[in-house]
PDB file of N, CA and C in Angstrom:
ATOM      1  N   UNK A   1     -48.122  53.296 -42.383  1.00  0.00           N
ATOM      2  CA  UNK A   1     -46.789  52.432 -42.450  1.00  0.00           C
ATOM      3  C   UNK A   1     -45.942  51.934 -41.239  1.00  0.00           C
ATOM      4  N   UNK A   2     -46.325  52.697 -39.961  1.00  0.00           N
ATOM      5  CA  UNK A   2     -45.661  52.285 -38.452  1.00  0.00           C
ATOM      6  C   UNK A   2     -45.903  50.479 -38.944  1.00  0.00           C
ATOM      7  N   UNK A   3     -47.688  50.352 -39.021  1.00  0.00           N
ATOM      8  CA  UNK A   3     -48.679  49.419 -38.948  1.00  0.00           C
ATOM      9  C   UNK A   3     -47.496  48.234 -39.630  1.00  0.00           C
ATOM     10  N   UNK A   4     -47.154  48.751 -41.050  1.00  0.00           N
ATOM     11  CA  UNK A   4     -46.491  47.622 -41.545  1.00  0.00           C
ATOM     12  C   UNK A   4     -44.814  46.848 -41.698  1.00  0.00           C
ATOM     13  N   UNK A   5     -44.349  48.161 -40.788  1.00  0.00           N
ATOM     14  CA  UNK A   5     -43.335  47.864 -40.653  1.00  0.00           C
ATOM     15  C   UNK A   5     -43.383  47.414 -39.034  1.00  0.00           C
ATOM     16  N   UNK A   6     -44.377  47.570 -38.098  1.00  0.00           N
ATOM     17  CA  UNK A   6     -43.840  46.729 -37.223  1.00  0.00           C
ATOM     18  C   UNK A   6     -44.619  45.398 -37.236  1.00  0.00           C
ATOM     19  N   UNK A   7     -45.315  45.291 -38.636  1.00  0.00           N
ATOM     20  CA  UNK A   7     -45.855  43.508 -38.651  1.00  0.00           C
ATOM     21  C   UNK A   7     -44.270  42.575 -39.003  1.00  0.00           C
ATOM     22  N   UNK A   8     -43.933  43.367 -39.858  1.00  0.00           N
ATOM     23  CA  UNK A   8     -43.126  42.763 -40.532  1.00  0.00           C
ATOM     24  C   UNK A   8     -41.522  42.388 -39.629  1.00  0.00           C
ATOM     25  N   UNK A   9     -41.406  43.424 -38.910  1.00  0.00           N
ATOM     26  CA  UNK A   9     -40.836  43.408 -37.388  1.00  0.00           C
ATOM     27  C   UNK A   9     -41.074  41.608 -36.794  1.00  0.00           C
ATOM     28  N   UNK A  10     -42.314  41.618 -36.326  1.00  0.00           N
ATOM     29  CA  UNK A  10     -42.771  40.900 -35.833  1.00  0.00           C
ATOM     30  C   UNK A  10     -42.550  39.298 -36.682  1.00  0.00           C
ATOM     31  N   UNK A  11     -43.381  39.647 -37.368  1.00  0.00           N
ATOM     32  CA  UNK A  11     -42.943  38.251 -38.210  1.00  0.00           C
ATOM     33  C   UNK A  11     -41.839  37.513 -38.672  1.00  0.00           C
ATOM     34  N   UNK A  12     -40.859  38.288 -38.397  1.00  0.00           N
ATOM     35  CA  UNK A  12     -38.968  38.285 -38.475  1.00  0.00           C
ATOM     36  C   UNK A  12     -39.024  37.854 -37.277  1.00  0.00           C
ATOM     37  N   UNK A  13     -39.440  38.518 -36.600  1.00  0.00           N
ATOM     38  CA  UNK A  13     -38.682  38.266 -34.846  1.00  0.00           C
ATOM     39  C   UNK A  13     -39.522  36.987 -34.496  1.00  0.00           C
ATOM     40  N   UNK A  14     -40.567  36.842 -34.932  1.00  0.00           N
ATOM     41  CA  UNK A  14     -41.594  35.142 -34.225  1.00  0.00           C
ATOM     42  C   UNK A  14     -40.649  34.095 -35.226  1.00  0.00           C
ATOM     43  N   UNK A  15     -40.249  34.401 -36.560  1.00  0.00           N
ATOM     44  CA  UNK A  15     -39.729  32.919 -37.224  1.00  0.00           C
ATOM     45  C   UNK A  15     -38.492  32.978 -36.423  1.00  0.00           C
ATOM     46  N   UNK A  16     -37.684  34.082 -36.065  1.00  0.00           N
ATOM     47  CA  UNK A  16     -36.686  33.811 -35.977  1.00  0.00           C
ATOM     48  C   UNK A  16     -36.741  33.012 -34.566  1.00  0.00           C
ATOM     49  N   UNK A  17     -37.317  33.341 -33.387  1.00  0.00           N
ATOM     50  CA  UNK A  17     -37.607  32.877 -32.324  1.00  0.00           C
ATOM     51  C   UNK A  17     -37.894  31.198 -32.422  1.00  0.00           C
ATOM     52  N   UNK A  18     -38.942  31.117 -33.460  1.00  0.00           N
ATOM     53  CA  UNK A  18     -39.330  29.908 -33.340  1.00  0.00           C
ATOM     54  C   UNK A  18     -38.269  28.551 -34.217  1.00  0.00           C
ATOM     55  N   UNK A  19     -37.264  29.406 -34.580  1.00  0.00           N
ATOM     56  CA  UNK A  19     -36.169  28.445 -35.438  1.00  0.00           C
ATOM     57  C   UNK A  19     -35.192  28.465 -34.195  1.00  0.00           C
ATOM     58  N   UNK A  20     -35.140  29.145 -33.522  1.00  0.00           N
ATOM     59  CA  UNK A  20     -33.967  29.086 -32.591  1.00  0.00           C
ATOM     60  C   UNK A  20     -34.773  28.201 -31.305  1.00  0.00           C
ATOM     61  N   UNK A  21     -36.025  27.738 -30.988  1.00  0.00           N
ATOM     62  CA  UNK A  21     -36.150  26.830 -30.099  1.00  0.00           C
ATOM     63  C   UNK A  21     -36.371  25.448 -30.856  1.00  0.00           C
ATOM     64  N   UNK A  22     -36.071  25.283 -32.035  1.00  0.00           N
ATOM     65  CA  UNK A  22     -35.997  24.511 -32.372  1.00  0.00           C
ATOM     66  C   UNK A  22     -37.291  23.814 -33.012  1.00  0.00           C
ATOM     67  N   UNK A  23     -37.998  24.946 -33.669  1.00  0.00           N
ATOM     68  CA  UNK A  23     -39.537  24.431 -34.224  1.00  0.00           C
ATOM     69  C   UNK A  23     -39.212  23.580 -35.561  1.00  0.00           C
ATOM     70  N   UNK A  24     -40.499  23.187 -35.815  1.00  0.00           N
ATOM     71  CA  UNK A  24     -40.677  22.418 -37.356  1.00  0.00           C
ATOM     72  C   UNK A  24     -41.671  23.572 -38.451  1.00  0.00           C
ATOM     73  N   UNK A  25     -41.196  23.838 -39.665  1.00  0.00           N
ATOM     74  CA  UNK A  25     -41.836  24.622 -40.303  1.00  0.00           C
ATOM     75  C   UNK A  25     -43.309  25.389 -40.138  1.00  0.00           C
ATOM     76  N   UNK A  26     -43.723  24.258 -39.581  1.00  0.00           N
ATOM     77  CA  UNK A  26     -45.528  24.767 -39.463  1.00  0.00           C
ATOM     78  C   UNK A  26     -45.515  25.218 -37.912  1.00  0.00           C
ATOM     79  N   UNK A  27     -44.128  25.385 -37.012  1.00  0.00           N
ATOM     80  CA  UNK A  27     -44.654  25.959 -35.914  1.00  0.00           C
ATOM     81  C   UNK A  27     -43.735  27.522 -36.156  1.00  0.00           C
ATOM     82  N   UNK A  28     -42.671  27.605 -36.916  1.00  0.00           N
ATOM     83  CA  UNK A  28     -41.937  28.801 -37.468  1.00  0.00           C
ATOM     84  C   UNK A  28     -43.260  29.588 -38.133  1.00  0.00           C
ATOM     85  N   UNK A  29     -43.713  28.756 -38.994  1.00  0.00           N
ATOM     86  CA  UNK A  29     -44.893  29.779 -39.881  1.00  0.00           C
ATOM     87  C   UNK A  29     -46.072  30.189 -38.288  1.00  0.00           C
ATOM     88  N   UNK A  30     -46.351  29.648 -37.614  1.00  0.00           N
ATOM     89  CA  UNK A  30     -47.603  29.755 -36.464  1.00  0.00           C
ATOM     90  C   UNK A  30     -47.477  31.331 -35.858  1.00  0.00           C
ATOM     91  N   UNK A  31     -45.935  30.939 -35.434  1.00  0.00           N
ATOM     92  CA  UNK A  31     -44.970  32.351 -34.751  1.00  0.00           C
ATOM     93  C   UNK A  31     -45.160  33.513 -35.593  1.00  0.00           C
ATOM     94  N   UNK A  32     -44.344  33.543 -36.484  1.00  0.00           N
ATOM     95  CA  UNK A  32     -44.888  34.427 -37.445  1.00  0.00           C
ATOM     96  C   UNK A  32     -45.812  35.031 -37.503  1.00  0.00           C
ATOM     97  N   UNK A  33     -46.814  34.196 -38.046  1.00  0.00           N
ATOM     98  CA  UNK A  33     -47.971  34.716 -38.112  1.00  0.00           C
ATOM     99  C   UNK A  33     -48.315  35.849 -36.379  1.00  0.00           C
ATOM    100  N   UNK A  34     -48.345  35.258 -35.580  1.00  0.00           N
ATOM    101  CA  UNK A  34     -48.694  35.638 -34.186  1.00  0.00           C
ATOM    102  C   UNK A  34     -48.260  36.427 -33.494  1.00  0.00           C
ATOM    103  N   UNK A  35     -46.983  37.207 -33.981  1.00  0.00           N
ATOM    104  CA  UNK A  35     -46.091  38.353 -33.479  1.00  0.00           C
ATOM    105  C   UNK A  35     -45.944  39.254 -34.399  1.00  0.00           C
ATOM    106  N   UNK A  36     -46.395  38.639 -35.922  1.00  0.00           N
ATOM    107  CA  UNK A  36     -47.541  39.506 -36.603  1.00  0.00           C
ATOM    108  C   UNK A  36     -47.969  40.571 -36.632  1.00  0.00           C
ATOM    109  N   UNK A  37     -49.247  39.697 -35.986  1.00  0.00           N
ATOM    110  CA  UNK A  37     -50.303  40.651 -35.528  1.00  0.00           C
ATOM    111  C   UNK A  37     -49.990  40.952 -33.915  1.00  0.00           C
ATOM    112  N   UNK A  38     -49.364  40.522 -33.126  1.00  0.00           N
ATOM    113  CA  UNK A  38     -49.240  41.552 -31.817  1.00  0.00           C
ATOM    114  C   UNK A  38     -48.691  42.812 -32.349  1.00  0.00           C
ATOM    115  N   UNK A  39     -47.685  42.354 -33.046  1.00  0.00           N
ATOM    116  CA  UNK A  39     -47.190  43.799 -33.141  1.00  0.00           C
ATOM    117  C   UNK A  39     -47.748  44.436 -34.327  1.00  0.00           C
ATOM    118  N   UNK A  40     -48.202  44.106 -35.103  1.00  0.00           N
ATOM    119  CA  UNK A  40     -49.446  45.037 -35.885  1.00  0.00           C
ATOM    120  C   UNK A  40     -50.146  45.916 -35.246  1.00  0.00           C
ATOM    121  N   UNK A  41     -50.672  45.421 -34.227  1.00  0.00           N
ATOM    122  CA  UNK A  41     -51.850  45.874 -33.664  1.00  0.00           C
ATOM    123  C   UNK A  41     -51.055  46.241 -32.253  1.00  0.00           C
ATOM    124  N   UNK A  42     -49.728  46.673 -31.825  1.00  0.00           N
ATOM    125  CA  UNK A  42     -48.918  47.504 -31.150  1.00  0.00           C
ATOM    126  C   UNK A  42     -49.068  49.476 -32.054  1.00  0.00           C
ATOM    127  N   UNK A  43     -48.398  48.216 -33.634  1.00  0.00           N
ATOM    128  CA  UNK A  43     -48.135  49.931 -34.340  1.00  0.00           C
ATOM    129  C   UNK A  43     -48.952  50.610 -34.612  1.00  0.00           C
ATOM    130  N   UNK A  44     -50.334  49.728 -34.143  1.00  0.00           N
ATOM    131  CA  UNK A  44     -51.590  50.805 -34.687  1.00  0.00           C
ATOM    132  C   UNK A  44     -51.841  51.308 -33.830  1.00  0.00           C
ATOM    133  N   UNK A  45     -51.874  51.222 -32.158  1.00  0.00           N
ATOM    134  CA  UNK A  45     -52.261  51.865 -31.166  1.00  0.00           C
ATOM    135  C   UNK A  45     -51.250  53.076 -31.267  1.00  0.00           C
ATOM    136  N   UNK A  46     -49.992  53.036 -31.564  1.00  0.00           N
ATOM    137  CA  UNK A  46     -49.255  53.765 -31.608  1.00  0.00           C
ATOM    138  C   UNK A  46     -49.056  55.456 -33.216  1.00  0.00           C
ATOM    139  N   UNK A  47     -49.660  54.224 -33.704  1.00  0.00           N
ATOM    140  CA  UNK A  47     -50.133  55.387 -35.067  1.00  0.00           C
ATOM    141  C   UNK A  47     -51.323  56.159 -34.637  1.00  0.00           C
ATOM    142  N   UNK A  48     -51.940  55.705 -33.736  1.00  0.00           N
ATOM    143  CA  UNK A  48     -53.232  56.124 -32.958  1.00  0.00           C
ATOM    144  C   UNK A  48     -52.896  57.471 -32.223  1.00  0.00           C
ATOM    145  N   UNK A  49     -51.819  56.890 -31.363  1.00  0.00           N
ATOM    146  CA  UNK A  49     -51.492  58.405 -30.304  1.00  0.00           C
ATOM    147  C   UNK A  49     -50.767  59.146 -30.914  1.00  0.00           C
ATOM    148  N   UNK A  50     -50.132  58.675 -31.773  1.00  0.00           N
ATOM    149  CA  UNK A  50     -49.077  59.561 -32.808  1.00  0.00           C
ATOM    150  C   UNK A  50     -50.136  60.615 -33.103  1.00  0.00           C
ATOM    151  N   UNK A  51     -51.484  60.281 -33.974  1.00  0.00           N
ATOM    152  CA  UNK A  51     -52.148  60.954 -34.664  1.00  0.00           C
ATOM    153  C   UNK A  51     -53.201  61.929 -33.593  1.00  0.00           C
ATOM    154  N   UNK A  52     -53.260  61.333 -32.425  1.00  0.00           N
ATOM    155  CA  UNK A  52     -53.746  62.353 -31.599  1.00  0.00           C
ATOM    156  C   UNK A  52     -52.854  63.726 -31.092  1.00  0.00           C
ATOM    157  N   UNK A  53     -51.865  63.262 -31.311  1.00  0.00           N
ATOM    158  CA  UNK A  53     -50.989  64.502 -30.887  1.00  0.00           C
ATOM    159  C   UNK A  53     -50.186  64.852 -31.163  1.00  0.00           C
ATOM    160  N   UNK A  54     -50.666  65.042 -32.605  1.00  0.00           N
ATOM    161  CA  UNK A  54     -49.922  66.073 -33.145  1.00  0.00           C
ATOM    162  C   UNK A  54     -51.728  67.155 -34.154  1.00  0.00           C
ATOM    163  N   UNK A  55     -52.783  66.540 -33.641  1.00  0.00           N
ATOM    164  CA  UNK A  55     -54.155  67.309 -34.017  1.00  0.00           C
ATOM    165  C   UNK A  55     -54.495  68.074 -32.940  1.00  0.00           C
TER     166      UNK A  55
END
């Protein structure tokens, strides 16, 4: 669940950042995908750390 939330947050954040920098639609899509991947990976790592701490 953390991974999905982090990926969605990253996509929104990346899209807003590209729009703020006056990017066209392709730029906005690329930023959204890259930020979603990066934040999704970070969420995955956090999930693993939490899982290891619980058990």
